[in-house]
Structures are given as structure tokens and as C-alpha cells.
Amino acid sequence: QALLESWQDLVAASLDEALISGEIASRLDAKQLAALFWSGWEGAVMRAKLYSSTQPVYDFWDFFKHSVRP
């Protein structure tokens, strides 16, 4: 848990900078976005392994980047 939380904090810091600069937009704060990112990413990785395909990872990334467009 500590390792995941440290990764999540790093992602949150990057997302916070992007929110402040206007590169991304969201009604959620950076910590919430980071938690959602990691939950979705880990789910996509699990599905990629299950289906022996990288497509779930690409699908998640496409969804996430479009969900934070300004």
C-alpha cells in the first residue's frame, strides 16, 4: 500500500501542475484524479494479462486523456 500511495502522490503532483497550468481540466482535484488513474491503470493491466493483449491499456489511456481535456 505504501508503494502504491507513493506512486499515487507522484502522479497527483504532476496532475496538480497540469491543472494549475490549464493543460488539463477536471472537477476533481489532483489526488482524486491520481487515485482514479491508478485504479483504472491497474484494471487495464489486469485485463491486458487476461486477454494477452495491450489493447486494454491503450483503451484506458485514451479514455483518461480525453476525460481531462481542457
Protein backbone atom coordinates (compact mmCIF):
# COMPACT_ATOMS: atom_id res chain seq x y z
CA GLN A 1 0.00 0.00 0.00
CA ALA A 2 2.80 2.39 0.85
CA LEU A 3 4.42 1.88 -2.56
CA LEU A 4 1.16 2.46 -4.43
CA GLU A 5 0.46 5.56 -2.33
CA SER A 6 3.92 6.96 -3.12
CA TRP A 7 3.33 6.42 -6.86
CA GLN A 8 -0.10 7.98 -6.49
CA ASP A 9 1.42 11.02 -4.77
CA LEU A 10 3.88 11.46 -7.65
CA VAL A 11 1.09 11.27 -10.21
CA ALA A 12 -1.02 13.68 -8.14
CA ALA A 13 1.85 16.20 -8.07
CA SER A 14 2.14 16.05 -11.86
CA LEU A 15 -1.62 16.30 -12.32
CA ASP A 16 -1.75 19.27 -9.93
CA GLU A 17 0.81 21.11 -12.05
CA ALA A 18 -1.18 20.31 -15.19
CA LEU A 19 -4.42 21.52 -13.58
CA ILE A 20 -2.82 24.77 -12.42
CA SER A 21 -1.27 25.45 -15.83
CA GLY A 22 -4.53 24.69 -17.64
CA GLU A 23 -3.07 21.77 -19.60
CA ILE A 24 -5.86 19.59 -18.23
CA ALA A 25 -9.24 20.34 -16.68
CA SER A 26 -11.35 18.44 -14.19
CA ARG A 27 -13.91 18.99 -11.47
CA LEU A 28 -11.87 16.54 -9.41
CA ASP A 29 -8.74 17.54 -7.57
CA ALA A 30 -5.32 16.07 -8.35
CA LYS A 31 -5.45 13.47 -5.55
CA GLN A 32 -8.81 12.18 -6.76
CA LEU A 33 -7.60 12.07 -10.35
CA ALA A 34 -4.46 10.20 -9.33
CA ALA A 35 -6.46 7.60 -7.40
CA LEU A 36 -8.78 7.10 -10.38
CA PHE A 37 -5.81 6.88 -12.72
CA TRP A 38 -4.15 4.12 -10.70
CA SER A 39 -7.36 2.16 -10.25
CA GLY A 40 -8.06 2.30 -13.97
CA TRP A 41 -4.46 1.60 -14.93
CA GLU A 42 -4.21 -1.47 -12.71
CA GLY A 43 -7.53 -2.73 -14.06
CA ALA A 44 -6.30 -2.23 -17.62
CA VAL A 45 -3.07 -4.09 -16.86
CA MET A 46 -5.04 -6.97 -15.34
CA ARG A 47 -7.27 -7.17 -18.42
CA ALA A 48 -4.23 -6.96 -20.72
CA LYS A 49 -2.76 -10.00 -18.97
CA LEU A 50 -6.07 -11.86 -19.02
CA TYR A 51 -6.58 -11.29 -22.75
CA SER A 52 -2.87 -11.39 -23.70
CA SER A 53 -3.35 -8.03 -25.40
CA THR A 54 -2.13 -4.49 -24.87
CA GLN A 55 -5.43 -3.08 -26.14
CA PRO A 56 -6.97 -2.59 -22.67
CA VAL A 57 -4.02 -0.38 -21.68
CA TYR A 58 -4.41 1.72 -24.83
CA ASP A 59 -8.17 1.93 -24.30
CA PHE A 60 -7.75 3.14 -20.73
CA TRP A 61 -5.11 5.70 -21.64
CA ASP A 62 -7.31 7.05 -24.46
CA PHE A 63 -10.25 7.35 -22.07
CA PHE A 64 -8.22 9.02 -19.32
CA LYS A 65 -6.52 11.60 -21.52
CA HIS A 66 -9.83 12.55 -23.15
CA SER A 67 -11.57 12.81 -19.78
CA VAL A 68 -9.18 15.57 -18.61
CA ARG A 69 -9.07 17.65 -21.78
CA PRO A 70 -9.49 21.37 -21.11
